[in-house]
N, C-alpha and C. Protein backbone atom coordinates (compact mmCIF):
# COMPACT_ATOMS: atom_id res chain seq x y z
N MET A 1 -56.30 49.94 22.02
CA MET A 1 -54.93 49.54 21.94
C MET A 1 -54.74 48.25 22.73
N GLU A 2 -54.06 47.33 22.11
CA GLU A 2 -53.86 46.05 22.75
C GLU A 2 -52.73 46.15 23.76
N PRO A 3 -52.86 45.35 24.80
CA PRO A 3 -51.76 45.37 25.77
C PRO A 3 -50.51 44.80 25.15
N ALA A 4 -49.39 45.33 25.49
CA ALA A 4 -48.11 44.88 24.97
C ALA A 4 -47.81 43.49 25.49
N LYS A 5 -47.39 42.67 24.58
CA LYS A 5 -47.02 41.31 24.99
C LYS A 5 -45.62 41.37 25.57
N PRO A 6 -45.46 40.61 26.62
CA PRO A 6 -44.10 40.63 27.18
C PRO A 6 -43.12 40.03 26.17
N GLN A 7 -41.98 40.66 26.05
CA GLN A 7 -40.97 40.18 25.12
C GLN A 7 -40.24 38.99 25.74
N ARG A 8 -40.08 38.03 24.95
CA ARG A 8 -39.35 36.85 25.41
C ARG A 8 -37.88 37.01 25.03
N SER A 9 -37.07 36.63 25.91
CA SER A 9 -35.66 36.67 25.55
C SER A 9 -35.38 35.47 24.66
N PRO A 10 -34.50 35.65 23.70
CA PRO A 10 -34.22 34.53 22.80
C PRO A 10 -33.66 33.36 23.60
N GLU A 11 -34.10 32.17 23.20
CA GLU A 11 -33.61 30.98 23.89
C GLU A 11 -32.24 30.63 23.35
N VAL A 12 -31.40 30.31 24.26
CA VAL A 12 -30.04 29.93 23.89
C VAL A 12 -29.87 28.46 24.27
N ALA A 13 -29.56 27.70 23.30
CA ALA A 13 -29.33 26.28 23.57
C ALA A 13 -27.88 26.08 23.94
N LEU A 14 -27.68 25.47 25.04
CA LEU A 14 -26.31 25.16 25.46
C LEU A 14 -25.97 23.78 24.95
N ILE A 15 -24.89 23.70 24.27
CA ILE A 15 -24.46 22.43 23.71
C ILE A 15 -23.26 21.95 24.50
N ALA A 16 -23.45 20.83 25.11
CA ALA A 16 -22.35 20.24 25.87
C ALA A 16 -21.38 19.61 24.90
N PRO A 17 -20.10 19.68 25.21
CA PRO A 17 -19.13 19.04 24.32
C PRO A 17 -19.41 17.54 24.24
N VAL A 18 -19.28 17.02 23.05
CA VAL A 18 -19.56 15.60 22.82
C VAL A 18 -18.24 14.87 22.65
N ALA A 19 -18.09 13.81 23.41
CA ALA A 19 -16.87 13.01 23.30
C ALA A 19 -16.93 12.23 22.00
N PRO A 20 -15.79 12.07 21.31
CA PRO A 20 -15.81 11.31 20.06
C PRO A 20 -16.26 9.88 20.34
N VAL A 21 -17.02 9.36 19.44
CA VAL A 21 -17.51 8.00 19.57
C VAL A 21 -16.45 7.06 19.02
N PRO A 22 -15.99 6.11 19.82
CA PRO A 22 -14.97 5.19 19.31
C PRO A 22 -15.55 4.31 18.21
N PRO A 23 -14.69 3.89 17.27
CA PRO A 23 -15.19 3.02 16.20
C PRO A 23 -15.67 1.70 16.79
N PRO A 24 -16.51 0.99 16.07
CA PRO A 24 -16.96 -0.30 16.56
C PRO A 24 -15.79 -1.22 16.84
N VAL A 25 -15.98 -2.16 17.74
CA VAL A 25 -14.91 -3.06 18.16
C VAL A 25 -14.33 -3.82 16.97
N GLN A 26 -15.17 -4.26 16.04
CA GLN A 26 -14.69 -4.99 14.88
C GLN A 26 -13.73 -4.14 14.06
N GLN A 27 -14.04 -2.87 13.88
CA GLN A 27 -13.17 -1.98 13.10
C GLN A 27 -11.86 -1.79 13.84
N GLN A 28 -11.89 -1.66 15.16
CA GLN A 28 -10.66 -1.50 15.93
C GLN A 28 -9.77 -2.72 15.75
N ALA A 29 -10.37 -3.90 15.75
CA ALA A 29 -9.59 -5.13 15.60
C ALA A 29 -8.90 -5.17 14.25
N GLN A 30 -9.59 -4.72 13.19
CA GLN A 30 -8.98 -4.73 11.87
C GLN A 30 -7.79 -3.78 11.81
N VAL A 31 -7.92 -2.62 12.42
CA VAL A 31 -6.82 -1.66 12.42
C VAL A 31 -5.64 -2.23 13.18
N ALA A 32 -5.91 -2.84 14.33
CA ALA A 32 -4.84 -3.39 15.16
C ALA A 32 -4.15 -4.57 14.47
N ALA A 33 -4.89 -5.33 13.66
CA ALA A 33 -4.34 -6.53 13.04
C ALA A 33 -3.59 -6.23 11.75
N SER A 34 -3.74 -5.06 11.18
CA SER A 34 -3.05 -4.78 9.93
C SER A 34 -1.56 -4.58 10.21
N PRO A 35 -0.71 -5.17 9.38
CA PRO A 35 0.73 -5.08 9.62
C PRO A 35 1.25 -3.66 9.39
N GLU A 36 2.32 -3.36 10.08
CA GLU A 36 2.94 -2.06 9.92
C GLU A 36 3.61 -1.98 8.55
N PRO A 37 3.38 -0.87 7.83
CA PRO A 37 3.96 -0.76 6.48
C PRO A 37 5.47 -0.93 6.46
N GLY A 38 6.17 -0.40 7.44
CA GLY A 38 7.63 -0.51 7.46
C GLY A 38 8.08 -1.95 7.55
N THR A 39 7.35 -2.75 8.33
CA THR A 39 7.71 -4.15 8.49
C THR A 39 7.46 -4.91 7.19
N VAL A 40 6.35 -4.62 6.53
CA VAL A 40 6.04 -5.27 5.26
C VAL A 40 7.11 -4.88 4.23
N ALA A 41 7.49 -3.62 4.21
CA ALA A 41 8.53 -3.16 3.28
C ALA A 41 9.85 -3.86 3.56
N GLN A 42 10.19 -4.04 4.82
CA GLN A 42 11.44 -4.73 5.16
C GLN A 42 11.40 -6.18 4.71
N PHE A 43 10.27 -6.85 4.94
CA PHE A 43 10.13 -8.24 4.51
C PHE A 43 10.26 -8.32 2.98
N ARG A 44 9.62 -7.39 2.28
CA ARG A 44 9.67 -7.36 0.82
C ARG A 44 11.12 -7.25 0.33
N LEU A 45 11.89 -6.35 0.94
CA LEU A 45 13.28 -6.17 0.53
C LEU A 45 14.10 -7.43 0.81
N GLU A 46 13.86 -8.06 1.95
CA GLU A 46 14.58 -9.29 2.29
C GLU A 46 14.24 -10.41 1.30
N LEU A 47 12.95 -10.52 0.96
CA LEU A 47 12.52 -11.53 0.00
C LEU A 47 13.16 -11.28 -1.37
N MET A 48 13.21 -10.03 -1.79
CA MET A 48 13.83 -9.69 -3.08
C MET A 48 15.31 -10.04 -3.07
N ASP A 49 15.98 -9.77 -1.96
CA ASP A 49 17.41 -10.06 -1.85
C ASP A 49 17.67 -11.57 -1.96
N ILE A 50 16.88 -12.36 -1.27
CA ILE A 50 17.05 -13.81 -1.33
C ILE A 50 16.67 -14.34 -2.71
N ALA A 51 15.63 -13.77 -3.30
CA ALA A 51 15.17 -14.23 -4.62
C ALA A 51 16.25 -14.08 -5.68
N ARG A 52 17.07 -13.05 -5.58
CA ARG A 52 18.14 -12.84 -6.58
C ARG A 52 19.06 -14.06 -6.68
N ARG A 53 19.24 -14.76 -5.58
CA ARG A 53 20.12 -15.94 -5.56
C ARG A 53 19.55 -17.09 -6.38
N TYR A 54 18.24 -17.09 -6.58
CA TYR A 54 17.57 -18.19 -7.26
C TYR A 54 17.11 -17.83 -8.67
N LYS A 55 17.53 -16.69 -9.15
CA LYS A 55 17.12 -16.24 -10.47
C LYS A 55 17.87 -17.03 -11.54
N ARG A 56 17.11 -17.59 -12.45
CA ARG A 56 17.67 -18.31 -13.59
C ARG A 56 17.04 -17.72 -14.85
N TYR A 57 17.88 -17.34 -15.78
CA TYR A 57 17.37 -16.81 -17.05
C TYR A 57 17.12 -18.03 -17.94
N PRO A 58 15.88 -18.30 -18.29
CA PRO A 58 15.61 -19.49 -19.09
C PRO A 58 16.41 -19.51 -20.39
N ARG A 59 16.98 -20.67 -20.69
CA ARG A 59 17.84 -20.81 -21.87
C ARG A 59 17.10 -20.42 -23.15
N ILE A 60 15.86 -20.85 -23.29
CA ILE A 60 15.10 -20.52 -24.51
C ILE A 60 14.94 -19.01 -24.65
N ALA A 61 14.78 -18.31 -23.53
CA ALA A 61 14.65 -16.85 -23.57
C ALA A 61 15.97 -16.22 -23.98
N GLN A 62 17.07 -16.75 -23.47
CA GLN A 62 18.39 -16.22 -23.85
C GLN A 62 18.65 -16.44 -25.33
N GLU A 63 18.36 -17.64 -25.81
CA GLU A 63 18.63 -17.97 -27.21
C GLU A 63 17.80 -17.12 -28.18
N ASN A 64 16.62 -16.69 -27.73
CA ASN A 64 15.74 -15.90 -28.59
C ASN A 64 15.76 -14.41 -28.25
N ASN A 65 16.69 -14.02 -27.38
CA ASN A 65 16.82 -12.63 -26.95
C ASN A 65 15.52 -12.06 -26.37
N TRP A 66 14.79 -12.88 -25.62
CA TRP A 66 13.56 -12.43 -24.99
C TRP A 66 13.90 -11.73 -23.68
N GLU A 67 13.37 -10.56 -23.51
CA GLU A 67 13.61 -9.77 -22.31
C GLU A 67 12.28 -9.21 -21.80
N GLY A 68 12.30 -8.72 -20.58
CA GLY A 68 11.10 -8.07 -20.06
C GLY A 68 11.10 -8.00 -18.54
N ARG A 69 10.08 -7.33 -18.06
CA ARG A 69 9.89 -7.19 -16.61
C ARG A 69 8.57 -7.84 -16.24
N VAL A 70 8.62 -8.65 -15.20
CA VAL A 70 7.43 -9.29 -14.64
C VAL A 70 7.18 -8.63 -13.29
N VAL A 71 5.95 -8.21 -13.05
CA VAL A 71 5.59 -7.68 -11.73
C VAL A 71 4.61 -8.66 -11.12
N LEU A 72 5.01 -9.21 -9.99
CA LEU A 72 4.19 -10.20 -9.30
C LEU A 72 3.55 -9.61 -8.06
N ARG A 73 2.30 -9.97 -7.81
CA ARG A 73 1.63 -9.63 -6.55
C ARG A 73 1.56 -10.93 -5.76
N ILE A 74 2.13 -10.89 -4.56
CA ILE A 74 2.20 -12.08 -3.73
C ILE A 74 1.36 -11.86 -2.48
N ALA A 75 0.40 -12.74 -2.27
CA ALA A 75 -0.44 -12.68 -1.07
C ALA A 75 0.09 -13.69 -0.08
N ILE A 76 0.38 -13.20 1.13
CA ILE A 76 0.87 -14.05 2.21
C ILE A 76 -0.26 -14.20 3.22
N GLY A 77 -0.58 -15.43 3.58
CA GLY A 77 -1.65 -15.69 4.53
C GLY A 77 -1.20 -15.53 5.96
N GLU A 78 -2.15 -15.62 6.87
CA GLU A 78 -1.86 -15.49 8.30
C GLU A 78 -0.88 -16.54 8.79
N ASP A 79 -0.82 -17.68 8.10
CA ASP A 79 0.10 -18.75 8.48
C ASP A 79 1.51 -18.53 7.91
N GLY A 80 1.70 -17.46 7.14
CA GLY A 80 3.01 -17.14 6.58
C GLY A 80 3.27 -17.78 5.23
N ALA A 81 2.34 -18.57 4.74
CA ALA A 81 2.51 -19.24 3.45
C ALA A 81 1.94 -18.37 2.32
N ILE A 82 2.45 -18.60 1.12
CA ILE A 82 1.92 -17.90 -0.04
C ILE A 82 0.53 -18.44 -0.32
N THR A 83 -0.45 -17.54 -0.37
CA THR A 83 -1.81 -17.96 -0.71
C THR A 83 -2.11 -17.74 -2.18
N ALA A 84 -1.40 -16.80 -2.82
CA ALA A 84 -1.61 -16.56 -4.25
C ALA A 84 -0.45 -15.76 -4.81
N ILE A 85 -0.12 -16.07 -6.05
CA ILE A 85 0.83 -15.24 -6.82
C ILE A 85 0.11 -14.88 -8.11
N THR A 86 0.04 -13.58 -8.35
CA THR A 86 -0.64 -13.07 -9.54
C THR A 86 0.35 -12.28 -10.38
N VAL A 87 0.34 -12.50 -11.68
CA VAL A 87 1.17 -11.71 -12.58
C VAL A 87 0.42 -10.41 -12.84
N ARG A 88 0.91 -9.32 -12.24
CA ARG A 88 0.29 -8.00 -12.42
C ARG A 88 0.70 -7.40 -13.76
N GLN A 89 1.96 -7.67 -14.16
CA GLN A 89 2.47 -7.19 -15.44
C GLN A 89 3.32 -8.31 -16.02
N SER A 90 3.00 -8.72 -17.19
CA SER A 90 3.72 -9.81 -17.84
C SER A 90 4.94 -9.28 -18.59
N ALA A 91 5.93 -10.13 -18.71
CA ALA A 91 7.10 -9.81 -19.53
C ALA A 91 6.78 -10.02 -21.01
N GLY A 92 5.63 -10.59 -21.27
CA GLY A 92 5.25 -10.85 -22.65
C GLY A 92 5.60 -12.25 -23.11
N ARG A 93 6.26 -13.00 -22.26
CA ARG A 93 6.64 -14.38 -22.56
C ARG A 93 6.32 -15.23 -21.34
N ALA A 94 5.53 -16.27 -21.53
CA ALA A 94 5.12 -17.13 -20.41
C ALA A 94 6.33 -17.74 -19.69
N VAL A 95 7.36 -18.07 -20.45
CA VAL A 95 8.53 -18.69 -19.83
C VAL A 95 9.19 -17.74 -18.80
N LEU A 96 9.19 -16.46 -19.09
CA LEU A 96 9.75 -15.48 -18.14
C LEU A 96 8.82 -15.28 -16.95
N ASP A 97 7.52 -15.22 -17.21
CA ASP A 97 6.55 -15.08 -16.13
C ASP A 97 6.64 -16.29 -15.18
N ASP A 98 6.72 -17.48 -15.76
CA ASP A 98 6.78 -18.70 -14.95
C ASP A 98 8.07 -18.76 -14.14
N GLU A 99 9.17 -18.36 -14.73
CA GLU A 99 10.45 -18.37 -14.00
C GLU A 99 10.42 -17.39 -12.83
N ALA A 100 9.83 -16.23 -13.04
CA ALA A 100 9.73 -15.25 -11.95
C ALA A 100 8.92 -15.81 -10.79
N GLN A 101 7.82 -16.49 -11.10
CA GLN A 101 7.00 -17.09 -10.05
C GLN A 101 7.76 -18.19 -9.30
N ALA A 102 8.45 -19.04 -10.04
CA ALA A 102 9.23 -20.11 -9.41
C ALA A 102 10.32 -19.54 -8.52
N MET A 103 10.97 -18.50 -8.99
CA MET A 103 12.04 -17.85 -8.24
C MET A 103 11.51 -17.33 -6.90
N LEU A 104 10.33 -16.67 -6.92
CA LEU A 104 9.77 -16.09 -5.70
C LEU A 104 9.25 -17.17 -4.76
N ARG A 105 8.68 -18.24 -5.29
CA ARG A 105 8.23 -19.35 -4.43
C ARG A 105 9.43 -19.97 -3.71
N ASN A 106 10.51 -20.16 -4.45
CA ASN A 106 11.72 -20.73 -3.88
C ASN A 106 12.29 -19.82 -2.79
N ALA A 107 12.35 -18.53 -3.08
CA ALA A 107 12.89 -17.57 -2.11
C ALA A 107 12.00 -17.47 -0.87
N LYS A 108 10.69 -17.50 -1.05
CA LYS A 108 9.77 -17.38 0.09
C LYS A 108 9.96 -18.54 1.05
N SER A 109 10.22 -19.73 0.52
CA SER A 109 10.42 -20.89 1.39
C SER A 109 11.68 -20.74 2.25
N ARG A 110 12.55 -19.81 1.89
CA ARG A 110 13.80 -19.59 2.62
C ARG A 110 13.83 -18.25 3.36
N THR A 111 12.69 -17.58 3.39
CA THR A 111 12.60 -16.27 4.05
C THR A 111 11.65 -16.37 5.23
N ALA A 112 12.16 -16.04 6.40
CA ALA A 112 11.34 -16.10 7.61
C ALA A 112 10.42 -14.89 7.71
N ILE A 113 9.21 -15.13 8.18
CA ILE A 113 8.27 -14.04 8.42
C ILE A 113 8.70 -13.35 9.71
N PRO A 114 8.89 -12.03 9.71
CA PRO A 114 9.27 -11.32 10.94
C PRO A 114 8.19 -11.46 12.00
N PRO A 115 8.58 -11.43 13.27
CA PRO A 115 7.60 -11.57 14.36
C PRO A 115 6.42 -10.60 14.27
N ALA A 116 6.67 -9.38 13.83
CA ALA A 116 5.59 -8.37 13.75
C ALA A 116 4.55 -8.72 12.69
N LEU A 117 4.88 -9.60 11.74
CA LEU A 117 3.94 -9.97 10.68
C LEU A 117 3.29 -11.33 10.90
N ARG A 118 3.74 -12.06 11.90
CA ARG A 118 3.18 -13.39 12.15
C ARG A 118 1.71 -13.28 12.55
N GLY A 119 0.90 -14.13 11.94
CA GLY A 119 -0.53 -14.12 12.22
C GLY A 119 -1.29 -13.06 11.45
N LYS A 120 -0.62 -12.39 10.51
CA LYS A 120 -1.26 -11.33 9.74
C LYS A 120 -1.14 -11.63 8.25
N ALA A 121 -2.20 -11.40 7.53
CA ALA A 121 -2.18 -11.57 6.08
C ALA A 121 -1.79 -10.23 5.45
N PHE A 122 -1.01 -10.29 4.38
CA PHE A 122 -0.60 -9.06 3.69
C PHE A 122 -0.24 -9.39 2.25
N THR A 123 -0.10 -8.35 1.45
CA THR A 123 0.21 -8.50 0.03
C THR A 123 1.38 -7.60 -0.32
N ILE A 124 2.27 -8.10 -1.16
CA ILE A 124 3.40 -7.31 -1.64
C ILE A 124 3.50 -7.45 -3.16
N GLU A 125 4.14 -6.48 -3.78
CA GLU A 125 4.42 -6.56 -5.21
C GLU A 125 5.93 -6.53 -5.41
N ILE A 126 6.39 -7.40 -6.30
CA ILE A 126 7.82 -7.50 -6.56
C ILE A 126 8.06 -7.55 -8.06
N PRO A 127 8.93 -6.65 -8.56
CA PRO A 127 9.30 -6.71 -9.97
C PRO A 127 10.49 -7.66 -10.17
N VAL A 128 10.49 -8.36 -11.28
CA VAL A 128 11.61 -9.24 -11.65
C VAL A 128 12.00 -8.90 -13.07
N ASP A 129 13.23 -8.48 -13.24
CA ASP A 129 13.73 -8.07 -14.56
C ASP A 129 14.51 -9.19 -15.22
N PHE A 130 14.24 -9.38 -16.50
CA PHE A 130 15.01 -10.31 -17.33
C PHE A 130 15.55 -9.51 -18.50
N PHE A 131 16.82 -9.12 -18.40
CA PHE A 131 17.47 -8.37 -19.46
C PHE A 131 18.82 -9.01 -19.74
N LEU A 132 19.17 -9.14 -21.01
CA LEU A 132 20.39 -9.83 -21.40
C LEU A 132 21.63 -8.98 -21.20
N LYS A 133 21.50 -7.67 -21.22
CA LYS A 133 22.67 -6.82 -21.04
C LYS A 133 23.30 -7.14 -19.68
N GLY A 134 24.57 -7.47 -19.71
CA GLY A 134 25.26 -7.78 -18.47
C GLY A 134 25.12 -9.22 -18.05
N GLN A 135 24.32 -10.02 -18.77
CA GLN A 135 24.15 -11.44 -18.46
C GLN A 135 25.23 -12.23 -19.19
N GLN A 136 25.70 -13.24 -18.58
CA GLN A 136 26.70 -14.11 -19.23
C GLN A 136 26.16 -15.50 -19.35
């Protein structure tokens, strides 16, 4: 008969709590630099309000009963200037798309960037409706 081997007690690994690893510094900077959604939304509403004052329904569109909605994506650079305007949805008529872009460029030149957005790049989308009902 063989001698009994001493029984080993099961090993228990103790796991020390691990502190969460902070994101890399570059990622933290990007999070800190992104504008607050509420501020961007407020700027968007202000820009839309000012843009209404500069809306002109092109005469050729009125004469031909052309209507539609243009949705523009406007990229604002860190310097507060428009870096790009893209037609996300066309009204189906270039004259309406062009007028919507001109209207927003004109309004942007008269809309101040809020302090919370200065030095930050952001993008907004703005719809512009051209409908004859109610137009004189």
